[in-house]
Amino acid sequence: MILFLYSINVYIICLLTYCRKMGMVSRKESLRRITQNYCDDIIQKKLKLYKAELKEQQKAFYLEKAEKLEFILKEEKECGITPTVTEEDIEAARKKAQELIEQEM
């Protein structure tokens, strides 16, 4: 009797090993794979939407950055402090904003 049960267990283990090697379909594994694919798709869609939102916000950011840098430069000159912001920094921010606006068109 014990030998018979042992041989059945060995047979089941061999069968399961064979099924895994040969790519046999199992219900649990299929559900896991489908669920993982579904979750990956949701994550990719959310990331794509978030990247588009950030791209839109970039335009306003660079325009605002140029204005703030211009204000800082003006204040530093009025106070007689050595300027930490250059005209090149301001122009670079404006140029980046202009490039982003042109890409949209």
PDB file of N, CA and C in Angstrom:
ATOM      1  N   MET A   1       0.819  -1.196   0.000  1.00  0.00           N
ATOM      2  CA  MET A   1       0.000   0.000   0.000  1.00  0.00           C
ATOM      3  C   MET A   1       0.863   1.261   0.000  1.00  0.00           C
ATOM      4  N   ILE A   2       1.879   1.282   0.864  1.00  0.00           N
ATOM      5  CA  ILE A   2       2.764   2.441   0.944  1.00  0.00           C
ATOM      6  C   ILE A   2       3.515   2.612  -0.365  1.00  0.00           C
ATOM      7  N   LEU A   3       3.946   1.535  -0.941  1.00  0.00           N
ATOM      8  CA  LEU A   3       4.654   1.596  -2.219  1.00  0.00           C
ATOM      9  C   LEU A   3       3.745   2.144  -3.303  1.00  0.00           C
ATOM     10  N   PHE A   4       2.492   1.742  -3.275  1.00  0.00           N
ATOM     11  CA  PHE A   4       1.520   2.220  -4.253  1.00  0.00           C
ATOM     12  C   PHE A   4       1.312   3.738  -4.131  1.00  0.00           C
ATOM     13  N   LEU A   5       1.133   4.243  -2.911  1.00  0.00           N
ATOM     14  CA  LEU A   5       0.958   5.691  -2.698  1.00  0.00           C
ATOM     15  C   LEU A   5       2.212   6.455  -3.097  1.00  0.00           C
ATOM     16  N   TYR A   6       3.368   5.884  -2.788  1.00  0.00           N
ATOM     17  CA  TYR A   6       4.619   6.525  -3.162  1.00  0.00           C
ATOM     18  C   TYR A   6       4.734   6.648  -4.676  1.00  0.00           C
ATOM     19  N   SER A   7       4.378   5.574  -5.373  1.00  0.00           N
ATOM     20  CA  SER A   7       4.479   5.600  -6.838  1.00  0.00           C
ATOM     21  C   SER A   7       3.479   6.601  -7.435  1.00  0.00           C
ATOM     22  N   ILE A   8       2.317   6.766  -6.827  1.00  0.00           N
ATOM     23  CA  ILE A   8       1.348   7.748  -7.306  1.00  0.00           C
ATOM     24  C   ILE A   8       1.889   9.160  -7.090  1.00  0.00           C
ATOM     25  N   ASN A   9       2.485   9.413  -5.933  1.00  0.00           N
ATOM     26  CA  ASN A   9       3.068  10.729  -5.651  1.00  0.00           C
ATOM     27  C   ASN A   9       4.195  11.056  -6.627  1.00  0.00           C
ATOM     28  N   VAL A  10       5.043  10.092  -6.881  1.00  0.00           N
ATOM     29  CA  VAL A  10       6.140  10.291  -7.828  1.00  0.00           C
ATOM     30  C   VAL A  10       5.565  10.584  -9.214  1.00  0.00           C
ATOM     31  N   TYR A  11       4.541   9.829  -9.608  1.00  0.00           N
ATOM     32  CA  TYR A  11       3.914  10.039 -10.911  1.00  0.00           C
ATOM     33  C   TYR A  11       3.328  11.450 -11.015  1.00  0.00           C
ATOM     34  N   ILE A  12       2.654  11.920  -9.980  1.00  0.00           N
ATOM     35  CA  ILE A  12       2.051  13.263  -9.976  1.00  0.00           C
ATOM     36  C   ILE A  12       3.133  14.328 -10.059  1.00  0.00           C
ATOM     37  N   ILE A  13       4.197  14.154  -9.304  1.00  0.00           N
ATOM     38  CA  ILE A  13       5.303  15.125  -9.343  1.00  0.00           C
ATOM     39  C   ILE A  13       5.919  15.164 -10.730  1.00  0.00           C
ATOM     40  N   CYS A  14       6.137  14.009 -11.328  1.00  0.00           N
ATOM     41  CA  CYS A  14       6.697  13.960 -12.684  1.00  0.00           C
ATOM     42  C   CYS A  14       5.757  14.612 -13.687  1.00  0.00           C
ATOM     43  N   LEU A  15       4.474  14.372 -13.534  1.00  0.00           N
ATOM     44  CA  LEU A  15       3.476  14.943 -14.433  1.00  0.00           C
ATOM     45  C   LEU A  15       3.451  16.465 -14.312  1.00  0.00           C
ATOM     46  N   LEU A  16       3.483  16.981 -13.094  1.00  0.00           N
ATOM     47  CA  LEU A  16       3.491  18.434 -12.884  1.00  0.00           C
ATOM     48  C   LEU A  16       4.761  19.060 -13.453  1.00  0.00           C
ATOM     49  N   THR A  17       5.882  18.418 -13.244  1.00  0.00           N
ATOM     50  CA  THR A  17       7.148  18.911 -13.781  1.00  0.00           C
ATOM     51  C   THR A  17       7.092  18.938 -15.305  1.00  0.00           C
ATOM     52  N   TYR A  18       6.562  17.881 -15.899  1.00  0.00           N
ATOM     53  CA  TYR A  18       6.442  17.806 -17.348  1.00  0.00           C
ATOM     54  C   TYR A  18       5.530  18.918 -17.874  1.00  0.00           C
ATOM     55  N   CYS A  19       4.410  19.144 -17.187  1.00  0.00           N
ATOM     56  CA  CYS A  19       3.463  20.175 -17.616  1.00  0.00           C
ATOM     57  C   CYS A  19       4.116  21.558 -17.582  1.00  0.00           C
ATOM     58  N   ARG A  20       4.895  21.815 -16.558  1.00  0.00           N
ATOM     59  CA  ARG A  20       5.558  23.121 -16.464  1.00  0.00           C
ATOM     60  C   ARG A  20       6.595  23.290 -17.561  1.00  0.00           C
ATOM     61  N   LYS A  21       7.346  22.220 -17.830  1.00  0.00           N
ATOM     62  CA  LYS A  21       8.386  22.290 -18.863  1.00  0.00           C
ATOM     63  C   LYS A  21       7.778  22.460 -20.253  1.00  0.00           C
ATOM     64  N   MET A  22       6.695  21.786 -20.501  1.00  0.00           N
ATOM     65  CA  MET A  22       6.093  21.807 -21.826  1.00  0.00           C
ATOM     66  C   MET A  22       5.167  22.997 -22.039  1.00  0.00           C
ATOM     67  N   GLY A  23       4.984  23.821 -21.017  1.00  0.00           N
ATOM     68  CA  GLY A  23       4.156  24.999 -21.170  1.00  0.00           C
ATOM     69  C   GLY A  23       2.669  24.690 -21.159  1.00  0.00           C
ATOM     70  N   MET A  24       2.309  23.660 -20.469  1.00  0.00           N
ATOM     71  CA  MET A  24       0.899  23.316 -20.367  1.00  0.00           C
ATOM     72  C   MET A  24       0.167  24.437 -19.619  1.00  0.00           C
ATOM     73  N   VAL A  25      -1.067  24.622 -19.942  1.00  0.00           N
ATOM     74  CA  VAL A  25      -1.864  25.695 -19.366  1.00  0.00           C
ATOM     75  C   VAL A  25      -2.448  25.250 -18.041  1.00  0.00           C
ATOM     76  N   SER A  26      -2.266  26.101 -17.045  1.00  0.00           N
ATOM     77  CA  SER A  26      -2.930  25.848 -15.776  1.00  0.00           C
ATOM     78  C   SER A  26      -3.773  27.069 -15.451  1.00  0.00           C
ATOM     79  N   ARG A  27      -4.832  26.840 -14.752  1.00  0.00           N
ATOM     80  CA  ARG A  27      -5.788  27.908 -14.475  1.00  0.00           C
ATOM     81  C   ARG A  27      -5.167  29.035 -13.639  1.00  0.00           C
ATOM     82  N   LYS A  28      -4.488  28.668 -12.560  1.00  0.00           N
ATOM     83  CA  LYS A  28      -3.897  29.675 -11.689  1.00  0.00           C
ATOM     84  C   LYS A  28      -2.862  30.521 -12.426  1.00  0.00           C
ATOM     85  N   GLU A  29      -1.988  29.842 -13.142  1.00  0.00           N
ATOM     86  CA  GLU A  29      -0.936  30.558 -13.847  1.00  0.00           C
ATOM     87  C   GLU A  29      -1.511  31.471 -14.923  1.00  0.00           C
ATOM     88  N   SER A  30      -2.525  31.009 -15.615  1.00  0.00           N
ATOM     89  CA  SER A  30      -3.157  31.833 -16.647  1.00  0.00           C
ATOM     90  C   SER A  30      -3.801  33.068 -16.042  1.00  0.00           C
ATOM     91  N   LEU A  31      -4.488  32.891 -14.917  1.00  0.00           N
ATOM     92  CA  LEU A  31      -5.107  34.040 -14.251  1.00  0.00           C
ATOM     93  C   LEU A  31      -4.057  35.029 -13.762  1.00  0.00           C
ATOM     94  N   ARG A  32      -2.967  34.512 -13.231  1.00  0.00           N
ATOM     95  CA  ARG A  32      -1.885  35.404 -12.788  1.00  0.00           C
ATOM     96  C   ARG A  32      -1.314  36.193 -13.960  1.00  0.00           C
ATOM     97  N   ARG A  33      -1.084  35.510 -15.068  1.00  0.00           N
ATOM     98  CA  ARG A  33      -0.508  36.166 -16.239  1.00  0.00           C
ATOM     99  C   ARG A  33      -1.465  37.227 -16.811  1.00  0.00           C
ATOM    100  N   ILE A  34      -2.737  36.891 -16.899  1.00  0.00           N
ATOM    101  CA  ILE A  34      -3.739  37.838 -17.404  1.00  0.00           C
ATOM    102  C   ILE A  34      -3.842  39.042 -16.472  1.00  0.00           C
ATOM    103  N   THR A  35      -3.856  38.795 -15.166  1.00  0.00           N
ATOM    104  CA  THR A  35      -3.939  39.882 -14.194  1.00  0.00           C
ATOM    105  C   THR A  35      -2.711  40.782 -14.281  1.00  0.00           C
ATOM    106  N   GLN A  36      -1.539  40.174 -14.416  1.00  0.00           N
ATOM    107  CA  GLN A  36      -0.298  40.955 -14.524  1.00  0.00           C
ATOM    108  C   GLN A  36      -0.313  41.819 -15.782  1.00  0.00           C
ATOM    109  N   ASN A  37      -0.744  41.255 -16.899  1.00  0.00           N
ATOM    110  CA  ASN A  37      -0.831  42.029 -18.144  1.00  0.00           C
ATOM    111  C   ASN A  37      -1.815  43.188 -18.012  1.00  0.00           C
ATOM    112  N   TYR A  38      -2.939  42.928 -17.368  1.00  0.00           N
ATOM    113  CA  TYR A  38      -3.953  43.960 -17.171  1.00  0.00           C
ATOM    114  C   TYR A  38      -3.401  45.100 -16.308  1.00  0.00           C
ATOM    115  N   CYS A  39      -2.738  44.730 -15.231  1.00  0.00           N
ATOM    116  CA  CYS A  39      -2.161  45.748 -14.342  1.00  0.00           C
ATOM    117  C   CYS A  39      -1.066  46.542 -15.052  1.00  0.00           C
ATOM    118  N   ASP A  40      -0.242  45.863 -15.824  1.00  0.00           N
ATOM    119  CA  ASP A  40       0.809  46.555 -16.580  1.00  0.00           C
ATOM    120  C   ASP A  40       0.211  47.549 -17.573  1.00  0.00           C
ATOM    121  N   ASP A  41      -0.874  47.167 -18.231  1.00  0.00           N
ATOM    122  CA  ASP A  41      -1.547  48.074 -19.171  1.00  0.00           C
ATOM    123  C   ASP A  41      -2.087  49.310 -18.464  1.00  0.00           C
ATOM    124  N   ILE A  42      -2.698  49.107 -17.310  1.00  0.00           N
ATOM    125  CA  ILE A  42      -3.231  50.245 -16.539  1.00  0.00           C
ATOM    126  C   ILE A  42      -2.103  51.185 -16.141  1.00  0.00           C
ATOM    127  N   ILE A  43      -0.997  50.635 -15.670  1.00  0.00           N
ATOM    128  CA  ILE A  43       0.143  51.450 -15.256  1.00  0.00           C
ATOM    129  C   ILE A  43       0.684  52.237 -16.440  1.00  0.00           C
ATOM    130  N   GLN A  44       0.823  51.609 -17.589  1.00  0.00           N
ATOM    131  CA  GLN A  44       1.343  52.294 -18.775  1.00  0.00           C
ATOM    132  C   GLN A  44       0.420  53.422 -19.232  1.00  0.00           C
ATOM    133  N   LYS A  45      -0.885  53.196 -19.175  1.00  0.00           N
ATOM    134  CA  LYS A  45      -1.833  54.247 -19.559  1.00  0.00           C
ATOM    135  C   LYS A  45      -1.741  55.434 -18.612  1.00  0.00           C
ATOM    136  N   LYS A  46      -1.652  55.164 -17.307  1.00  0.00           N
ATOM    137  CA  LYS A  46      -1.546  56.243 -16.330  1.00  0.00           C
ATOM    138  C   LYS A  46      -0.245  57.015 -16.511  1.00  0.00           C
ATOM    139  N   LEU A  47       0.848  56.303 -16.765  1.00  0.00           N
ATOM    140  CA  LEU A  47       2.125  56.975 -16.992  1.00  0.00           C
ATOM    141  C   LEU A  47       2.085  57.857 -18.236  1.00  0.00           C
ATOM    142  N   LYS A  48       1.448  57.360 -19.281  1.00  0.00           N
ATOM    143  CA  LYS A  48       1.342  58.124 -20.520  1.00  0.00           C
ATOM    144  C   LYS A  48       0.542  59.408 -20.297  1.00  0.00           C
ATOM    145  N   LEU A  49      -0.561  59.311 -19.571  1.00  0.00           N
ATOM    146  CA  LEU A  49      -1.369  60.494 -19.261  1.00  0.00           C
ATOM    147  C   LEU A  49      -0.595  61.481 -18.390  1.00  0.00           C
ATOM    148  N   TYR A  50       0.136  60.963 -17.413  1.00  0.00           N
ATOM    149  CA  TYR A  50       0.901  61.826 -16.510  1.00  0.00           C
ATOM    150  C   TYR A  50       2.024  62.540 -17.260  1.00  0.00           C
ATOM    151  N   LYS A  51       2.688  61.836 -18.172  1.00  0.00           N
ATOM    152  CA  LYS A  51       3.746  62.466 -18.963  1.00  0.00           C
ATOM    153  C   LYS A  51       3.183  63.574 -19.846  1.00  0.00           C
ATOM    154  N   ALA A  52       2.007  63.346 -20.422  1.00  0.00           N
ATOM    155  CA  ALA A  52       1.375  64.377 -21.246  1.00  0.00           C
ATOM    156  C   ALA A  52       1.012  65.598 -20.404  1.00  0.00           C
ATOM    157  N   GLU A  53       0.531  65.352 -19.191  1.00  0.00           N
ATOM    158  CA  GLU A  53       0.183  66.452 -18.283  1.00  0.00           C
ATOM    159  C   GLU A  53       1.434  67.255 -17.909  1.00  0.00           C
ATOM    160  N   LEU A  54       2.514  66.569 -17.618  1.00  0.00           N
ATOM    161  CA  LEU A  54       3.765  67.257 -17.281  1.00  0.00           C
ATOM    162  C   LEU A  54       4.302  68.052 -18.472  1.00  0.00           C
ATOM    163  N   LYS A  55       4.149  67.504 -19.658  1.00  0.00           N
ATOM    164  CA  LYS A  55       4.592  68.200 -20.869  1.00  0.00           C
ATOM    165  C   LYS A  55       3.826  69.512 -21.035  1.00  0.00           C
ATOM    166  N   GLU A  56       2.534  69.488 -20.739  1.00  0.00           N
ATOM    167  CA  GLU A  56       1.716  70.704 -20.813  1.00  0.00           C
ATOM    168  C   GLU A  56       2.167  71.721 -19.770  1.00  0.00           C
ATOM    169  N   GLN A  57       2.468  71.252 -18.588  1.00  0.00           N
ATOM    170  CA  GLN A  57       2.873  72.160 -17.510  1.00  0.00           C
ATOM    171  C   GLN A  57       4.253  72.751 -17.751  1.00  0.00           C
ATOM    172  N   GLN A  58       5.063  72.093 -18.558  1.00  0.00           N
ATOM    173  CA  GLN A  58       6.412  72.575 -18.833  1.00  0.00           C
ATOM    174  C   GLN A  58       6.400  73.948 -19.493  1.00  0.00           C
ATOM    175  N   LYS A  59       5.466  74.179 -20.395  1.00  0.00           N
ATOM    176  CA  LYS A  59       5.407  75.455 -21.119  1.00  0.00           C
ATOM    177  C   LYS A  59       5.230  76.604 -20.144  1.00  0.00           C
ATOM    178  N   ALA A  60       4.236  76.483 -19.297  1.00  0.00           N
ATOM    179  CA  ALA A  60       3.968  77.534 -18.311  1.00  0.00           C
ATOM    180  C   ALA A  60       5.138  77.672 -17.340  1.00  0.00           C
ATOM    181  N   PHE A  61       5.755  76.554 -17.002  1.00  0.00           N
ATOM    182  CA  PHE A  61       6.882  76.583 -16.072  1.00  0.00           C
ATOM    183  C   PHE A  61       8.031  77.414 -16.617  1.00  0.00           C
ATOM    184  N   TYR A  62       8.411  77.190 -17.865  1.00  0.00           N
ATOM    185  CA  TYR A  62       9.547  77.918 -18.425  1.00  0.00           C
ATOM    186  C   TYR A  62       9.233  79.397 -18.617  1.00  0.00           C
ATOM    187  N   LEU A  63       7.989  79.725 -18.975  1.00  0.00           N
ATOM    188  CA  LEU A  63       7.617  81.137 -19.083  1.00  0.00           C
ATOM    189  C   LEU A  63       7.696  81.814 -17.713  1.00  0.00           C
ATOM    190  N   GLU A  64       7.191  81.146 -16.706  1.00  0.00           N
ATOM    191  CA  GLU A  64       7.225  81.687 -15.349  1.00  0.00           C
ATOM    192  C   GLU A  64       8.672  81.776 -14.841  1.00  0.00           C
ATOM    193  N   LYS A  65       9.479  80.799 -15.196  1.00  0.00           N
ATOM    194  CA  LYS A  65      10.888  80.803 -14.788  1.00  0.00           C
ATOM    195  C   LYS A  65      11.613  82.005 -15.376  1.00  0.00           C
ATOM    196  N   ALA A  66      11.361  82.293 -16.649  1.00  0.00           N
ATOM    197  CA  ALA A  66      12.007  83.446 -17.286  1.00  0.00           C
ATOM    198  C   ALA A  66      11.600  84.736 -16.587  1.00  0.00           C
ATOM    199  N   GLU A  67      10.317  84.865 -16.252  1.00  0.00           N
ATOM    200  CA  GLU A  67       9.844  86.075 -15.561  1.00  0.00           C
ATOM    201  C   GLU A  67      10.502  86.223 -14.186  1.00  0.00           C
ATOM    202  N   LYS A  68      10.589  85.144 -13.446  1.00  0.00           N
ATOM    203  CA  LYS A  68      11.180  85.192 -12.110  1.00  0.00           C
ATOM    204  C   LYS A  68      12.677  85.487 -12.175  1.00  0.00           C
ATOM    205  N   LEU A  69      13.366  84.892 -13.146  1.00  0.00           N
ATOM    206  CA  LEU A  69      14.791  85.182 -13.296  1.00  0.00           C
ATOM    207  C   LEU A  69      15.021  86.641 -13.657  1.00  0.00           C
ATOM    208  N   GLU A  70      14.140  87.171 -14.497  1.00  0.00           N
ATOM    209  CA  GLU A  70      14.233  88.578 -14.875  1.00  0.00           C
ATOM    210  C   GLU A  70      14.031  89.474 -13.647  1.00  0.00           C
ATOM    211  N   PHE A  71      13.056  89.141 -12.813  1.00  0.00           N
ATOM    212  CA  PHE A  71      12.786  89.891 -11.596  1.00  0.00           C
ATOM    213  C   PHE A  71      13.986  89.831 -10.640  1.00  0.00           C
ATOM    214  N   ILE A  72      14.557  88.647 -10.484  1.00  0.00           N
ATOM    215  CA  ILE A  72      15.711  88.481  -9.598  1.00  0.00           C
ATOM    216  C   ILE A  72      16.883  89.315 -10.085  1.00  0.00           C
ATOM    217  N   LEU A  73      17.134  89.298 -11.383  1.00  0.00           N
ATOM    218  CA  LEU A  73      18.229  90.085 -11.953  1.00  0.00           C
ATOM    219  C   LEU A  73      18.019  91.569 -11.701  1.00  0.00           C
ATOM    220  N   LYS A  74      16.783  92.032 -11.914  1.00  0.00           N
ATOM    221  CA  LYS A  74      16.464  93.441 -11.698  1.00  0.00           C
ATOM    222  C   LYS A  74      16.671  93.823 -10.225  1.00  0.00           C
ATOM    223  N   GLU A  75      16.191  93.012  -9.307  1.00  0.00           N
ATOM    224  CA  GLU A  75      16.327  93.288  -7.871  1.00  0.00           C
ATOM    225  C   GLU A  75      17.792  93.288  -7.436  1.00  0.00           C
ATOM    226  N   GLU A  76      18.564  92.364  -7.947  1.00  0.00           N
ATOM    227  CA  GLU A  76      19.984  92.303  -7.584  1.00  0.00           C
ATOM    228  C   GLU A  76      20.726  93.540  -8.080  1.00  0.00           C
ATOM    229  N   LYS A  77      20.394  93.993  -9.268  1.00  0.00           N
ATOM    230  CA  LYS A  77      21.040  95.212  -9.797  1.00  0.00           C
ATOM    231  C   LYS A  77      20.653  96.433  -8.977  1.00  0.00           C
ATOM    232  N   GLU A  78      19.369  96.523  -8.589  1.00  0.00           N
ATOM    233  CA  GLU A  78      18.914  97.659  -7.788  1.00  0.00           C
ATOM    234  C   GLU A  78      19.562  97.689  -6.407  1.00  0.00           C
ATOM    235  N   CYS A  79      19.806  96.519  -5.834  1.00  0.00           N
ATOM    236  CA  CYS A  79      20.410  96.442  -4.499  1.00  0.00           C
ATOM    237  C   CYS A  79      21.933  96.559  -4.544  1.00  0.00           C
ATOM    238  N   GLY A  80      22.501  96.536  -5.716  1.00  0.00           N
ATOM    239  CA  GLY A  80      23.947  96.649  -5.853  1.00  0.00           C
ATOM    240  C   GLY A  80      24.686  95.357  -5.554  1.00  0.00           C
ATOM    241  N   ILE A  81      23.998  94.254  -5.598  1.00  0.00           N
ATOM    242  CA  ILE A  81      24.608  92.946  -5.360  1.00  0.00           C
ATOM    243  C   ILE A  81      25.098  92.386  -6.693  1.00  0.00           C
ATOM    244  N   THR A  82      26.159  91.601  -6.630  1.00  0.00           N
ATOM    245  CA  THR A  82      26.640  90.939  -7.844  1.00  0.00           C
ATOM    246  C   THR A  82      25.548  89.993  -8.340  1.00  0.00           C
ATOM    247  N   PRO A  83      25.128  90.148  -9.581  1.00  0.00           N
ATOM    248  CA  PRO A  83      24.027  89.316 -10.109  1.00  0.00           C
ATOM    249  C   PRO A  83      24.383  87.828 -10.140  1.00  0.00           C
ATOM    250  N   THR A  84      23.478  87.013  -9.662  1.00  0.00           N
ATOM    251  CA  THR A  84      23.644  85.560  -9.718  1.00  0.00           C
ATOM    252  C   THR A  84      22.957  84.986 -10.948  1.00  0.00           C
ATOM    253  N   VAL A  85      22.107  85.791 -11.559  1.00  0.00           N
ATOM    254  CA  VAL A  85      21.368  85.380 -12.756  1.00  0.00           C
ATOM    255  C   VAL A  85      21.910  86.184 -13.932  1.00  0.00           C
ATOM    256  N   THR A  86      22.093  85.509 -15.057  1.00  0.00           N
ATOM    257  CA  THR A  86      22.580  86.212 -16.252  1.00  0.00           C
ATOM    258  C   THR A  86      21.462  86.322 -17.283  1.00  0.00           C
ATOM    259  N   GLU A  87      21.687  87.187 -18.231  1.00  0.00           N
ATOM    260  CA  GLU A  87      20.739  87.334 -19.343  1.00  0.00           C
ATOM    261  C   GLU A  87      20.651  86.025 -20.136  1.00  0.00           C
ATOM    262  N   GLU A  88      21.758  85.297 -20.164  1.00  0.00           N
ATOM    263  CA  GLU A  88      21.771  84.014 -20.883  1.00  0.00           C
ATOM    264  C   GLU A  88      20.804  83.016 -20.245  1.00  0.00           C
ATOM    265  N   ASP A  89      20.744  83.023 -18.912  1.00  0.00           N
ATOM    266  CA  ASP A  89      19.805  82.133 -18.215  1.00  0.00           C
ATOM    267  C   ASP A  89      18.360  82.474 -18.587  1.00  0.00           C
ATOM    268  N   ILE A  90      18.081  83.763 -18.627  1.00  0.00           N
ATOM    269  CA  ILE A  90      16.727  84.214 -18.957  1.00  0.00           C
ATOM    270  C   ILE A  90      16.389  83.840 -20.395  1.00  0.00           C
ATOM    271  N   GLU A  91      17.342  84.068 -21.296  1.00  0.00           N
ATOM    272  CA  GLU A  91      17.104  83.737 -22.711  1.00  0.00           C
ATOM    273  C   GLU A  91      16.949  82.226 -22.912  1.00  0.00           C
ATOM    274  N   ALA A  92      17.709  81.443 -22.160  1.00  0.00           N
ATOM    275  CA  ALA A  92      17.598  79.984 -22.279  1.00  0.00           C
ATOM    276  C   ALA A  92      16.207  79.514 -21.860  1.00  0.00           C
ATOM    277  N   ALA A  93      15.665  80.105 -20.792  1.00  0.00           N
ATOM    278  CA  ALA A  93      14.322  79.733 -20.334  1.00  0.00           C
ATOM    279  C   ALA A  93      13.275  80.146 -21.363  1.00  0.00           C
ATOM    280  N   ARG A  94      13.429  81.330 -21.911  1.00  0.00           N
ATOM    281  CA  ARG A  94      12.475  81.784 -22.947  1.00  0.00           C
ATOM    282  C   ARG A  94      12.564  80.913 -24.192  1.00  0.00           C
ATOM    283  N   LYS A  95      13.788  80.567 -24.575  1.00  0.00           N
ATOM    284  CA  LYS A  95      13.987  79.739 -25.761  1.00  0.00           C
ATOM    285  C   LYS A  95      13.341  78.365 -25.571  1.00  0.00           C
ATOM    286  N   LYS A  96      13.523  77.787 -24.390  1.00  0.00           N
ATOM    287  CA  LYS A  96      12.938  76.472 -24.098  1.00  0.00           C
ATOM    288  C   LYS A  96      11.410  76.543 -24.141  1.00  0.00           C
ATOM    289  N   ALA A  97      10.844  77.612 -23.599  1.00  0.00           N
ATOM    290  CA  ALA A  97       9.385  77.797 -23.628  1.00  0.00           C
ATOM    291  C   ALA A  97       8.903  77.933 -25.067  1.00  0.00           C
ATOM    292  N   GLN A  98       9.640  78.697 -25.862  1.00  0.00           N
ATOM    293  CA  GLN A  98       9.264  78.900 -27.268  1.00  0.00           C
ATOM    294  C   GLN A  98       9.332  77.572 -28.039  1.00  0.00           C
ATOM    295  N   GLU A  99      10.367  76.776 -27.775  1.00  0.00           N
ATOM    296  CA  GLU A  99      10.484  75.477 -28.440  1.00  0.00           C
ATOM    297  C   GLU A  99       9.304  74.562 -28.111  1.00  0.00           C
ATOM    298  N   LEU A 100       8.919  74.561 -26.859  1.00  0.00           N
ATOM    299  CA  LEU A 100       7.791  73.724 -26.452  1.00  0.00           C
ATOM    300  C   LEU A 100       6.488  74.187 -27.087  1.00  0.00           C
ATOM    301  N   ILE A 101       6.309  75.502 -27.198  1.00  0.00           N
ATOM    302  CA  ILE A 101       5.090  76.035 -27.835  1.00  0.00           C
ATOM    303  C   ILE A 101       5.079  75.678 -29.318  1.00  0.00           C
ATOM    304  N   GLU A 102       6.249  75.778 -29.975  1.00  0.00           N
ATOM    305  CA  GLU A 102       6.324  75.448 -31.399  1.00  0.00           C
ATOM    306  C   GLU A 102       6.100  73.963 -31.658  1.00  0.00           C
ATOM    307  N   GLN A 103       6.570  73.118 -30.742  1.00  0.00           N
ATOM    308  CA  GLN A 103       6.353  71.669 -30.907  1.00  0.00           C
ATOM    309  C   GLN A 103       4.883  71.311 -30.859  1.00  0.00           C
ATOM    310  N   GLU A 104       4.112  72.075 -30.093  1.00  0.00           N
ATOM    311  CA  GLU A 104       2.683  71.810 -29.976  1.00  0.00           C
ATOM    312  C   GLU A 104       1.960  72.079 -31.296  1.00  0.00           C
ATOM    313  N   MET A 105       2.422  73.059 -32.000  1.00  0.00           N
ATOM    314  CA  MET A 105       1.778  73.436 -33.263  1.00  0.00           C
ATOM    315  C   MET A 105       2.146  72.448 -34.305  1.00  0.00           C
TER     316      MET A 105
END
